């Protein structure tokens, strides 16, 4: 393989990596807690985009429960996002011809 071919492959890999970053940023996952009473939606940048709370939890006496459920729903969404991003990164590594388990 000559230097021009190596540089061309590097440019292609960089372009694929940038496209994958854009695609991963657009991913959305939803976490749930309390049997679906609280929903948190996160994007691929780890940003919380939406929070939905069942009206039955909107009572002062339920405040601590609600706080715990929000934290739990966020943790659920984060775990799902981490798994999804790892899956997408593995696909990208494979498309670049990298061996299984090779981190990017």
PDB file of N, CA and C in Angstrom:
ATOM      1  N   UNK A   1       0.861  -1.165   0.000  1.00  0.00           N
ATOM      2  CA  UNK A   1       0.000   0.000   0.000  1.00  0.00           C
ATOM      3  C   UNK A   1       0.912   1.235   0.000  1.00  0.00           C
ATOM      4  N   UNK A   2       0.658   2.153  -0.944  1.00  0.00           N
ATOM      5  CA  UNK A   2       1.499   3.351  -1.009  1.00  0.00           C
ATOM      6  C   UNK A   2       0.917   4.470  -0.142  1.00  0.00           C
ATOM      7  N   UNK A   3       1.674   5.541   0.001  1.00  0.00           N
ATOM      8  CA  UNK A   3       1.300   6.645   0.888  1.00  0.00           C
ATOM      9  C   UNK A   3      -0.008   7.309   0.450  1.00  0.00           C
ATOM     10  N   UNK A   4      -0.230   7.470  -0.852  1.00  0.00           N
ATOM     11  CA  UNK A   4      -1.479   8.081  -1.333  1.00  0.00           C
ATOM     12  C   UNK A   4      -2.687   7.250  -0.922  1.00  0.00           C
ATOM     13  N   UNK A   5      -2.560   5.936  -1.011  1.00  0.00           N
ATOM     14  CA  UNK A   5      -3.665   5.055  -0.635  1.00  0.00           C
ATOM     15  C   UNK A   5      -3.924   5.134   0.873  1.00  0.00           C
ATOM     16  N   UNK A   6      -2.871   5.189   1.655  1.00  0.00           N
ATOM     17  CA  UNK A   6      -3.012   5.312   3.106  1.00  0.00           C
ATOM     18  C   UNK A   6      -3.720   6.617   3.458  1.00  0.00           C
ATOM     19  N   UNK A   7      -3.314   7.715   2.824  1.00  0.00           N
ATOM     20  CA  UNK A   7      -3.943   9.010   3.088  1.00  0.00           C
ATOM     21  C   UNK A   7      -5.406   9.011   2.666  1.00  0.00           C
ATOM     22  N   UNK A   8      -5.696   8.392   1.524  1.00  0.00           N
ATOM     23  CA  UNK A   8      -7.084   8.308   1.057  1.00  0.00           C
ATOM     24  C   UNK A   8      -7.944   7.525   2.049  1.00  0.00           C
ATOM     25  N   UNK A   9      -7.438   6.418   2.539  1.00  0.00           N
ATOM     26  CA  UNK A   9      -8.184   5.623   3.528  1.00  0.00           C
ATOM     27  C   UNK A   9      -8.390   6.410   4.822  1.00  0.00           C
ATOM     28  N   UNK A  10      -7.376   7.164   5.211  1.00  0.00           N
ATOM     29  CA  UNK A  10      -7.501   7.981   6.423  1.00  0.00           C
ATOM     30  C   UNK A  10      -8.582   9.042   6.234  1.00  0.00           C
ATOM     31  N   UNK A  11      -8.651   9.667   5.070  1.00  0.00           N
ATOM     32  CA  UNK A  11      -9.692  10.670   4.800  1.00  0.00           C
ATOM     33  C   UNK A  11     -11.075  10.021   4.815  1.00  0.00           C
ATOM     34  N   UNK A  12     -11.174   8.846   4.227  1.00  0.00           N
ATOM     35  CA  UNK A  12     -12.455   8.134   4.222  1.00  0.00           C
ATOM     36  C   UNK A  12     -12.888   7.770   5.640  1.00  0.00           C
ATOM     37  N   UNK A  13     -11.941   7.305   6.430  1.00  0.00           N
ATOM     38  CA  UNK A  13     -12.248   6.944   7.812  1.00  0.00           C
ATOM     39  C   UNK A  13     -12.685   8.173   8.602  1.00  0.00           C
ATOM     40  N   UNK A  14     -12.025   9.302   8.371  1.00  0.00           N
ATOM     41  CA  UNK A  14     -12.387  10.536   9.069  1.00  0.00           C
ATOM     42  C   UNK A  14     -13.791  10.981   8.665  1.00  0.00           C
ATOM     43  N   UNK A  15     -14.104  10.893   7.384  1.00  0.00           N
ATOM     44  CA  UNK A  15     -15.435  11.280   6.916  1.00  0.00           C
ATOM     45  C   UNK A  15     -16.506  10.366   7.526  1.00  0.00           C
ATOM     46  N   UNK A  16     -16.226   9.069   7.588  1.00  0.00           N
ATOM     47  CA  UNK A  16     -17.175   8.136   8.194  1.00  0.00           C
ATOM     48  C   UNK A  16     -17.354   8.435   9.681  1.00  0.00           C
ATOM     49  N   UNK A  17     -16.258   8.759  10.351  1.00  0.00           N
ATOM     50  CA  UNK A  17     -16.333   9.064  11.782  1.00  0.00           C
ATOM     51  C   UNK A  17     -17.172  10.310  12.027  1.00  0.00           C
ATOM     52  N   UNK A  18     -17.010  11.336  11.207  1.00  0.00           N
ATOM     53  CA  UNK A  18     -17.809  12.555  11.355  1.00  0.00           C
ATOM     54  C   UNK A  18     -19.292  12.276  11.111  1.00  0.00           C
ATOM     55  N   UNK A  19     -19.579  11.476  10.101  1.00  0.00           N
ATOM     56  CA  UNK A  19     -20.972  11.121   9.812  1.00  0.00           C
ATOM     57  C   UNK A  19     -21.566  10.326  10.972  1.00  0.00           C
ATOM     58  N   UNK A  20     -20.776   9.413  11.522  1.00  0.00           N
ATOM     59  CA  UNK A  20     -21.251   8.615  12.652  1.00  0.00           C
ATOM     60  C   UNK A  20     -21.517   9.510  13.862  1.00  0.00           C
ATOM     61  N   UNK A  21     -20.680  10.502  14.100  1.00  0.00           N
ATOM     62  CA  UNK A  21     -20.917  11.434  15.209  1.00  0.00           C
ATOM     63  C   UNK A  21     -22.244  12.160  15.025  1.00  0.00           C
ATOM     64  N   UNK A  22     -22.532  12.586  13.797  1.00  0.00           N
ATOM     65  CA  UNK A  22     -23.808  13.261  13.527  1.00  0.00           C
ATOM     66  C   UNK A  22     -24.975  12.307  13.758  1.00  0.00           C
ATOM     67  N   UNK A  23     -24.833  11.078  13.292  1.00  0.00           N
ATOM     68  CA  UNK A  23     -25.900  10.095  13.473  1.00  0.00           C
ATOM     69  C   UNK A  23     -26.115   9.778  14.950  1.00  0.00           C
ATOM     70  N   UNK A  24     -25.030   9.635  15.695  1.00  0.00           N
ATOM     71  CA  UNK A  24     -25.162   9.313  17.114  1.00  0.00           C
ATOM     72  C   UNK A  24     -25.766  10.477  17.894  1.00  0.00           C
ATOM     73  N   UNK A  25     -25.474  11.698  17.504  1.00  0.00           N
ATOM     74  CA  UNK A  25     -26.064  12.857  18.172  1.00  0.00           C
ATOM     75  C   UNK A  25     -27.581  12.881  17.974  1.00  0.00           C
ATOM     76  N   UNK A  26     -28.044  12.337  16.854  1.00  0.00           N
ATOM     77  CA  UNK A  26     -29.476  12.339  16.544  1.00  0.00           C
ATOM     78  C   UNK A  26     -30.239  11.196  17.218  1.00  0.00           C
ATOM     79  N   UNK A  27     -29.524  10.242  17.796  1.00  0.00           N
ATOM     80  CA  UNK A  27     -30.181   9.117  18.472  1.00  0.00           C
ATOM     81  C   UNK A  27     -30.965   9.642  19.673  1.00  0.00           C
ATOM     82  N   UNK A  28     -32.133   9.095  19.885  1.00  0.00           N
ATOM     83  CA  UNK A  28     -32.909   9.393  21.083  1.00  0.00           C
ATOM     84  C   UNK A  28     -33.316   8.088  21.742  1.00  0.00           C
ATOM     85  N   UNK A  29     -33.188   8.060  23.062  1.00  0.00           N
ATOM     86  CA  UNK A  29     -33.632   6.911  23.845  1.00  0.00           C
ATOM     87  C   UNK A  29     -34.535   7.422  24.955  1.00  0.00           C
ATOM     88  N   UNK A  30     -35.417   6.538  25.432  1.00  0.00           N
ATOM     89  CA  UNK A  30     -36.329   6.919  26.495  1.00  0.00           C
ATOM     90  C   UNK A  30     -36.149   5.982  27.674  1.00  0.00           C
ATOM     91  N   UNK A  31     -36.003   6.569  28.854  1.00  0.00           N
ATOM     92  CA  UNK A  31     -35.935   5.801  30.085  1.00  0.00           C
ATOM     93  C   UNK A  31     -37.231   5.951  30.847  1.00  0.00           C
ATOM     94  N   UNK A  32     -37.572   4.917  31.604  1.00  0.00           N
ATOM     95  CA  UNK A  32     -38.839   4.905  32.348  1.00  0.00           C
ATOM     96  C   UNK A  32     -38.581   4.548  33.802  1.00  0.00           C
ATOM     97  N   UNK A  33     -39.452   4.992  34.651  1.00  0.00           N
ATOM     98  CA  UNK A  33     -39.402   4.608  36.063  1.00  0.00           C
ATOM     99  C   UNK A  33     -40.818   4.639  36.632  1.00  0.00           C
ATOM    100  N   UNK A  34     -40.973   3.950  37.744  1.00  0.00           N
ATOM    101  CA  UNK A  34     -42.266   3.946  38.418  1.00  0.00           C
ATOM    102  C   UNK A  34     -43.360   3.311  37.591  1.00  0.00           C
ATOM    103  N   UNK A  35     -43.015   2.252  36.878  1.00  0.00           N
ATOM    104  CA  UNK A  35     -44.025   1.590  36.056  1.00  0.00           C
ATOM    105  C   UNK A  35     -44.563   2.469  34.946  1.00  0.00           C
ATOM    106  N   UNK A  36     -43.713   3.384  34.440  1.00  0.00           N
ATOM    107  CA  UNK A  36     -44.125   4.260  33.348  1.00  0.00           C
ATOM    108  C   UNK A  36     -44.686   5.595  33.797  1.00  0.00           C
ATOM    109  N   UNK A  37     -44.600   5.892  35.090  1.00  0.00           N
ATOM    110  CA  UNK A  37     -45.123   7.173  35.574  1.00  0.00           C
ATOM    111  C   UNK A  37     -44.193   8.339  35.223  1.00  0.00           C
ATOM    112  N   UNK A  38     -42.913   8.031  35.018  1.00  0.00           N
ATOM    113  CA  UNK A  38     -41.940   9.061  34.658  1.00  0.00           C
ATOM    114  C   UNK A  38     -41.167   8.581  33.434  1.00  0.00           C
ATOM    115  N   UNK A  39     -41.038   9.467  32.442  1.00  0.00           N
ATOM    116  CA  UNK A  39     -40.292   9.179  31.211  1.00  0.00           C
ATOM    117  C   UNK A  39     -39.259  10.277  31.011  1.00  0.00           C
ATOM    118  N   UNK A  40     -38.017   9.872  30.682  1.00  0.00           N
ATOM    119  CA  UNK A  40     -36.956  10.818  30.345  1.00  0.00           C
ATOM    120  C   UNK A  40     -36.447  10.448  28.953  1.00  0.00           C
ATOM    121  N   UNK A  41     -36.379  11.434  28.065  1.00  0.00           N
ATOM    122  CA  UNK A  41     -35.845  11.225  26.726  1.00  0.00           C
ATOM    123  C   UNK A  41     -34.515  11.952  26.619  1.00  0.00           C
ATOM    124  N   UNK A  42     -33.487  11.200  26.182  1.00  0.00           N
ATOM    125  CA  UNK A  42     -32.147  11.765  26.021  1.00  0.00           C
ATOM    126  C   UNK A  42     -31.695  11.590  24.578  1.00  0.00           C
ATOM    127  N   UNK A  43     -30.811  12.502  24.142  1.00  0.00           N
ATOM    128  CA  UNK A  43     -30.236  12.336  22.809  1.00  0.00           C
ATOM    129  C   UNK A  43     -28.819  11.776  22.938  1.00  0.00           C
ATOM    130  N   UNK A  44     -28.183  11.558  21.793  1.00  0.00           N
ATOM    131  CA  UNK A  44     -26.853  10.972  21.753  1.00  0.00           C
ATOM    132  C   UNK A  44     -25.763  11.841  22.330  1.00  0.00           C
ATOM    133  N   UNK A  45     -26.083  13.064  22.667  1.00  0.00           N
ATOM    134  CA  UNK A  45     -25.118  13.958  23.307  1.00  0.00           C
ATOM    135  C   UNK A  45     -25.296  13.960  24.820  1.00  0.00           C
ATOM    136  N   UNK A  46     -26.071  13.020  25.338  1.00  0.00           N
ATOM    137  CA  UNK A  46     -26.371  12.923  26.768  1.00  0.00           C
ATOM    138  C   UNK A  46     -27.188  14.093  27.288  1.00  0.00           C
ATOM    139  N   UNK A  47     -27.933  14.740  26.422  1.00  0.00           N
ATOM    140  CA  UNK A  47     -28.791  15.848  26.840  1.00  0.00           C
ATOM    141  C   UNK A  47     -30.206  15.330  27.081  1.00  0.00           C
ATOM    142  N   UNK A  48     -30.796  15.758  28.191  1.00  0.00           N
ATOM    143  CA  UNK A  48     -32.198  15.418  28.447  1.00  0.00           C
ATOM    144  C   UNK A  48     -33.042  16.334  27.576  1.00  0.00           C
ATOM    145  N   UNK A  49     -33.825  15.730  26.699  1.00  0.00           N
ATOM    146  CA  UNK A  49     -34.638  16.498  25.760  1.00  0.00           C
ATOM    147  C   UNK A  49     -36.085  16.651  26.218  1.00  0.00           C
ATOM    148  N   UNK A  50     -36.606  15.628  26.908  1.00  0.00           N
ATOM    149  CA  UNK A  50     -37.986  15.691  27.377  1.00  0.00           C
ATOM    150  C   UNK A  50     -38.103  14.967  28.713  1.00  0.00           C
ATOM    151  N   UNK A  51     -39.035  15.436  29.494  1.00  0.00           N
ATOM    152  CA  UNK A  51     -39.374  14.810  30.767  1.00  0.00           C
ATOM    153  C   UNK A  51     -40.891  14.785  30.848  1.00  0.00           C
ATOM    154  N   UNK A  52     -41.458  13.610  31.058  1.00  0.00           N
ATOM    155  CA  UNK A  52     -42.911  13.479  31.186  1.00  0.00           C
ATOM    156  C   UNK A  52     -43.211  12.844  32.536  1.00  0.00           C
ATOM    157  N   UNK A  53     -44.109  13.496  33.278  1.00  0.00           N
ATOM    158  CA  UNK A  53     -44.466  13.036  34.616  1.00  0.00           C
ATOM    159  C   UNK A  53     -45.975  12.835  34.668  1.00  0.00           C
ATOM    160  N   UNK A  54     -46.385  11.676  35.120  1.00  0.00           N
ATOM    161  CA  UNK A  54     -47.805  11.403  35.268  1.00  0.00           C
ATOM    162  C   UNK A  54     -48.388  12.382  36.294  1.00  0.00           C
ATOM    163  N   UNK A  55     -49.538  12.972  36.007  1.00  0.00           N
ATOM    164  CA  UNK A  55     -50.144  13.943  36.916  1.00  0.00           C
ATOM    165  C   UNK A  55     -50.414  13.409  38.328  1.00  0.00           C
ATOM    166  N   UNK A  56     -50.559  12.099  38.468  1.00  0.00           N
ATOM    167  CA  UNK A  56     -50.835  11.537  39.798  1.00  0.00           C
ATOM    168  C   UNK A  56     -49.673  11.756  40.768  1.00  0.00           C
ATOM    169  N   UNK A  57     -48.485  12.073  40.237  1.00  0.00           N
ATOM    170  CA  UNK A  57     -47.314  12.304  41.093  1.00  0.00           C
ATOM    171  C   UNK A  57     -47.138  13.769  41.475  1.00  0.00           C
ATOM    172  N   UNK A  58     -48.031  14.625  41.025  1.00  0.00           N
ATOM    173  CA  UNK A  58     -47.899  16.067  41.257  1.00  0.00           C
ATOM    174  C   UNK A  58     -48.567  16.496  42.557  1.00  0.00           C
ATOM    175  N   UNK A  59     -48.152  15.867  43.626  1.00  0.00           N
ATOM    176  CA  UNK A  59     -48.682  16.201  44.942  1.00  0.00           C
ATOM    177  C   UNK A  59     -47.487  16.440  45.863  1.00  0.00           C
ATOM    178  N   UNK A  60     -47.623  17.372  46.753  1.00  0.00           N
ATOM    179  CA  UNK A  60     -46.528  17.665  47.692  1.00  0.00           C
ATOM    180  C   UNK A  60     -46.116  16.408  48.455  1.00  0.00           C
ATOM    181  N   UNK A  61     -47.079  15.591  48.813  1.00  0.00           N
ATOM    182  CA  UNK A  61     -46.772  14.380  49.579  1.00  0.00           C
ATOM    183  C   UNK A  61     -45.996  13.344  48.752  1.00  0.00           C
ATOM    184  N   UNK A  62     -45.995  13.501  47.436  1.00  0.00           N
ATOM    185  CA  UNK A  62     -45.296  12.575  46.532  1.00  0.00           C
ATOM    186  C   UNK A  62     -43.966  13.141  46.037  1.00  0.00           C
ATOM    187  N   UNK A  63     -43.537  14.290  46.579  1.00  0.00           N
ATOM    188  CA  UNK A  63     -42.352  14.986  46.069  1.00  0.00           C
ATOM    189  C   UNK A  63     -41.105  14.109  46.097  1.00  0.00           C
ATOM    190  N   UNK A  64     -40.806  13.473  47.205  1.00  0.00           N
ATOM    191  CA  UNK A  64     -39.603  12.644  47.303  1.00  0.00           C
ATOM    192  C   UNK A  64     -39.663  11.458  46.349  1.00  0.00           C
ATOM    193  N   UNK A  65     -40.829  10.857  46.245  1.00  0.00           N
ATOM    194  CA  UNK A  65     -40.996   9.747  45.301  1.00  0.00           C
ATOM    195  C   UNK A  65     -40.748  10.242  43.881  1.00  0.00           C
ATOM    196  N   UNK A  66     -41.322  11.378  43.542  1.00  0.00           N
ATOM    197  CA  UNK A  66     -41.138  11.944  42.200  1.00  0.00           C
ATOM    198  C   UNK A  66     -39.667  12.219  41.926  1.00  0.00           C
ATOM    199  N   UNK A  67     -38.967  12.804  42.864  1.00  0.00           N
ATOM    200  CA  UNK A  67     -37.540  13.077  42.679  1.00  0.00           C
ATOM    201  C   UNK A  67     -36.767  11.793  42.418  1.00  0.00           C
ATOM    202  N   UNK A  68     -37.061  10.761  43.205  1.00  0.00           N
ATOM    203  CA  UNK A  68     -36.388   9.471  43.020  1.00  0.00           C
ATOM    204  C   UNK A  68     -36.706   8.862  41.657  1.00  0.00           C
ATOM    205  N   UNK A  69     -37.955   8.985  41.232  1.00  0.00           N
ATOM    206  CA  UNK A  69     -38.352   8.422  39.938  1.00  0.00           C
ATOM    207  C   UNK A  69     -37.687   9.165  38.776  1.00  0.00           C
ATOM    208  N   UNK A  70     -37.521  10.462  38.892  1.00  0.00           N
ATOM    209  CA  UNK A  70     -36.833  11.224  37.842  1.00  0.00           C
ATOM    210  C   UNK A  70     -35.386  10.760  37.733  1.00  0.00           C
ATOM    211  N   UNK A  71     -34.727  10.612  38.861  1.00  0.00           N
ATOM    212  CA  UNK A  71     -33.340  10.135  38.857  1.00  0.00           C
ATOM    213  C   UNK A  71     -33.275   8.727  38.261  1.00  0.00           C
ATOM    214  N   UNK A  72     -34.192   7.861  38.632  1.00  0.00           N
ATOM    215  CA  UNK A  72     -34.207   6.490  38.111  1.00  0.00           C
ATOM    216  C   UNK A  72     -34.483   6.458  36.612  1.00  0.00           C
ATOM    217  N   UNK A  73     -35.405   7.282  36.138  1.00  0.00           N
ATOM    218  CA  UNK A  73     -35.711   7.329  34.704  1.00  0.00           C
ATOM    219  C   UNK A  73     -34.508   7.849  33.927  1.00  0.00           C
ATOM    220  N   UNK A  74     -33.814   8.829  34.487  1.00  0.00           N
ATOM    221  CA  UNK A  74     -32.604   9.345  33.838  1.00  0.00           C
ATOM    222  C   UNK A  74     -31.536   8.257  33.765  1.00  0.00           C
ATOM    223  N   UNK A  75     -31.340   7.524  34.845  1.00  0.00           N
ATOM    224  CA  UNK A  75     -30.353   6.442  34.857  1.00  0.00           C
ATOM    225  C   UNK A  75     -30.711   5.365  33.840  1.00  0.00           C
ATOM    226  N   UNK A  76     -31.984   5.055  33.707  1.00  0.00           N
ATOM    227  CA  UNK A  76     -32.438   4.070  32.726  1.00  0.00           C
ATOM    228  C   UNK A  76     -32.148   4.556  31.308  1.00  0.00           C
ATOM    229  N   UNK A  77     -32.464   5.810  31.040  1.00  0.00           N
ATOM    230  CA  UNK A  77     -32.197   6.373  29.710  1.00  0.00           C
ATOM    231  C   UNK A  77     -30.697   6.389  29.426  1.00  0.00           C
ATOM    232  N   UNK A  78     -29.884   6.753  30.403  1.00  0.00           N
ATOM    233  CA  UNK A  78     -28.431   6.812  30.234  1.00  0.00           C
ATOM    234  C   UNK A  78     -27.866   5.432  29.937  1.00  0.00           C
ATOM    235  N   UNK A  79     -28.336   4.421  30.637  1.00  0.00           N
ATOM    236  CA  UNK A  79     -27.876   3.051  30.390  1.00  0.00           C
ATOM    237  C   UNK A  79     -28.237   2.602  28.977  1.00  0.00           C
ATOM    238  N   UNK A  80     -29.456   2.919  28.548  1.00  0.00           N
ATOM    239  CA  UNK A  80     -29.882   2.557  27.196  1.00  0.00           C
ATOM    240  C   UNK A  80     -29.059   3.308  26.153  1.00  0.00           C
ATOM    241  N   UNK A  81     -28.781   4.576  26.413  1.00  0.00           N
ATOM    242  CA  UNK A  81     -27.989   5.371  25.480  1.00  0.00           C
ATOM    243  C   UNK A  81     -26.571   4.826  25.384  1.00  0.00           C
ATOM    244  N   UNK A  82     -25.954   4.514  26.518  1.00  0.00           N
ATOM    245  CA  UNK A  82     -24.600   3.967  26.503  1.00  0.00           C
ATOM    246  C   UNK A  82     -24.535   2.675  25.698  1.00  0.00           C
ATOM    247  N   UNK A  83     -25.524   1.805  25.883  1.00  0.00           N
ATOM    248  CA  UNK A  83     -25.568   0.545  25.139  1.00  0.00           C
ATOM    249  C   UNK A  83     -25.729   0.802  23.648  1.00  0.00           C
ATOM    250  N   UNK A  84     -26.606   1.727  23.300  1.00  0.00           N
ATOM    251  CA  UNK A  84     -26.850   2.033  21.890  1.00  0.00           C
ATOM    252  C   UNK A  84     -25.614   2.641  21.239  1.00  0.00           C
ATOM    253  N   UNK A  85     -24.946   3.557  21.934  1.00  0.00           N
ATOM    254  CA  UNK A  85     -23.744   4.172  21.383  1.00  0.00           C
ATOM    255  C   UNK A  85     -22.624   3.149  21.216  1.00  0.00           C
ATOM    256  N   UNK A  86     -22.483   2.227  22.164  1.00  0.00           N
ATOM    257  CA  UNK A  86     -21.469   1.174  22.050  1.00  0.00           C
ATOM    258  C   UNK A  86     -21.757   0.295  20.836  1.00  0.00           C
ATOM    259  N   UNK A  87     -23.024  -0.003  20.625  1.00  0.00           N
ATOM    260  CA  UNK A  87     -23.432  -0.811  19.471  1.00  0.00           C
ATOM    261  C   UNK A  87     -23.098  -0.086  18.166  1.00  0.00           C
ATOM    262  N   UNK A  88     -23.401   1.200  18.110  1.00  0.00           N
ATOM    263  CA  UNK A  88     -23.112   1.978  16.903  1.00  0.00           C
ATOM    264  C   UNK A  88     -21.611   2.100  16.652  1.00  0.00           C
ATOM    265  N   UNK A  89     -20.832   2.258  17.713  1.00  0.00           N
ATOM    266  CA  UNK A  89     -19.383   2.346  17.563  1.00  0.00           C
ATOM    267  C   UNK A  89     -18.812   1.025  17.059  1.00  0.00           C
ATOM    268  N   UNK A  90     -19.366  -0.095  17.534  1.00  0.00           N
ATOM    269  CA  UNK A  90     -18.915  -1.406  17.059  1.00  0.00           C
ATOM    270  C   UNK A  90     -19.213  -1.562  15.569  1.00  0.00           C
ATOM    271  N   UNK A  91     -20.383  -1.093  15.137  1.00  0.00           N
ATOM    272  CA  UNK A  91     -20.732  -1.146  13.712  1.00  0.00           C
ATOM    273  C   UNK A  91     -19.754  -0.303  12.905  1.00  0.00           C
ATOM    274  N   UNK A  92     -19.429   0.874  13.426  1.00  0.00           N
ATOM    275  CA  UNK A  92     -18.512   1.754  12.714  1.00  0.00           C
ATOM    276  C   UNK A  92     -17.134   1.114  12.612  1.00  0.00           C
ATOM    277  N   UNK A  93     -16.641   0.539  13.704  1.00  0.00           N
ATOM    278  CA  UNK A  93     -15.327  -0.116  13.689  1.00  0.00           C
ATOM    279  C   UNK A  93     -15.321  -1.245  12.673  1.00  0.00           C
ATOM    280  N   UNK A  94     -16.411  -2.008  12.626  1.00  0.00           N
ATOM    281  CA  UNK A  94     -16.514  -3.097  11.675  1.00  0.00           C
ATOM    282  C   UNK A  94     -16.513  -2.580  10.243  1.00  0.00           C
ATOM    283  N   UNK A  95     -17.240  -1.486   9.989  1.00  0.00           N
ATOM    284  CA  UNK A  95     -17.296  -0.937   8.631  1.00  0.00           C
ATOM    285  C   UNK A  95     -15.948  -0.400   8.187  1.00  0.00           C
ATOM    286  N   UNK A  96     -15.090  -0.052   9.146  1.00  0.00           N
ATOM    287  CA  UNK A  96     -13.752   0.428   8.823  1.00  0.00           C
ATOM    288  C   UNK A  96     -12.754  -0.712   8.712  1.00  0.00           C
ATOM    289  N   UNK A  97     -13.232  -1.954   8.917  1.00  0.00           N
ATOM    290  CA  UNK A  97     -12.368  -3.101   8.807  1.00  0.00           C
ATOM    291  C   UNK A  97     -11.513  -3.345  10.041  1.00  0.00           C
ATOM    292  N   UNK A  98     -11.898  -2.749  11.160  1.00  0.00           N
ATOM    293  CA  UNK A  98     -11.143  -2.947  12.395  1.00  0.00           C
ATOM    294  C   UNK A  98     -11.555  -4.261  13.045  1.00  0.00           C
ATOM    295  N   UNK A  99     -10.678  -4.900  13.770  1.00  0.00           N
ATOM    296  CA  UNK A  99     -11.028  -6.176  14.408  1.00  0.00           C
ATOM    297  C   UNK A  99     -12.059  -5.988  15.511  1.00  0.00           C
ATOM    298  N   UNK A 100     -12.842  -7.048  15.809  1.00  0.00           N
ATOM    299  CA  UNK A 100     -13.837  -6.975  16.885  1.00  0.00           C
ATOM    300  C   UNK A 100     -13.168  -6.577  18.207  1.00  0.00           C
ATOM    301  N   UNK A 101     -13.829  -5.720  18.954  1.00  0.00           N
ATOM    302  CA  UNK A 101     -13.295  -5.286  20.240  1.00  0.00           C
ATOM    303  C   UNK A 101     -12.330  -4.137  20.155  1.00  0.00           C
ATOM    304  N   UNK A 102     -12.027  -3.699  18.947  1.00  0.00           N
ATOM    305  CA  UNK A 102     -11.105  -2.578  18.788  1.00  0.00           C
ATOM    306  C   UNK A 102     -11.860  -1.290  19.077  1.00  0.00           C
ATOM    307  N   UNK A 103     -11.400  -0.540  20.035  1.00  0.00           N
ATOM    308  CA  UNK A 103     -12.079   0.689  20.428  1.00  0.00           C
ATOM    309  C   UNK A 103     -11.754   1.845  19.512  1.00  0.00           C
ATOM    310  N   UNK A 104     -12.730   2.744  19.358  1.00  0.00           N
ATOM    311  CA  UNK A 104     -12.523   3.950  18.539  1.00  0.00           C
ATOM    312  C   UNK A 104     -12.567   5.134  19.454  1.00  0.00           C
TER     313      UNK A 104
END
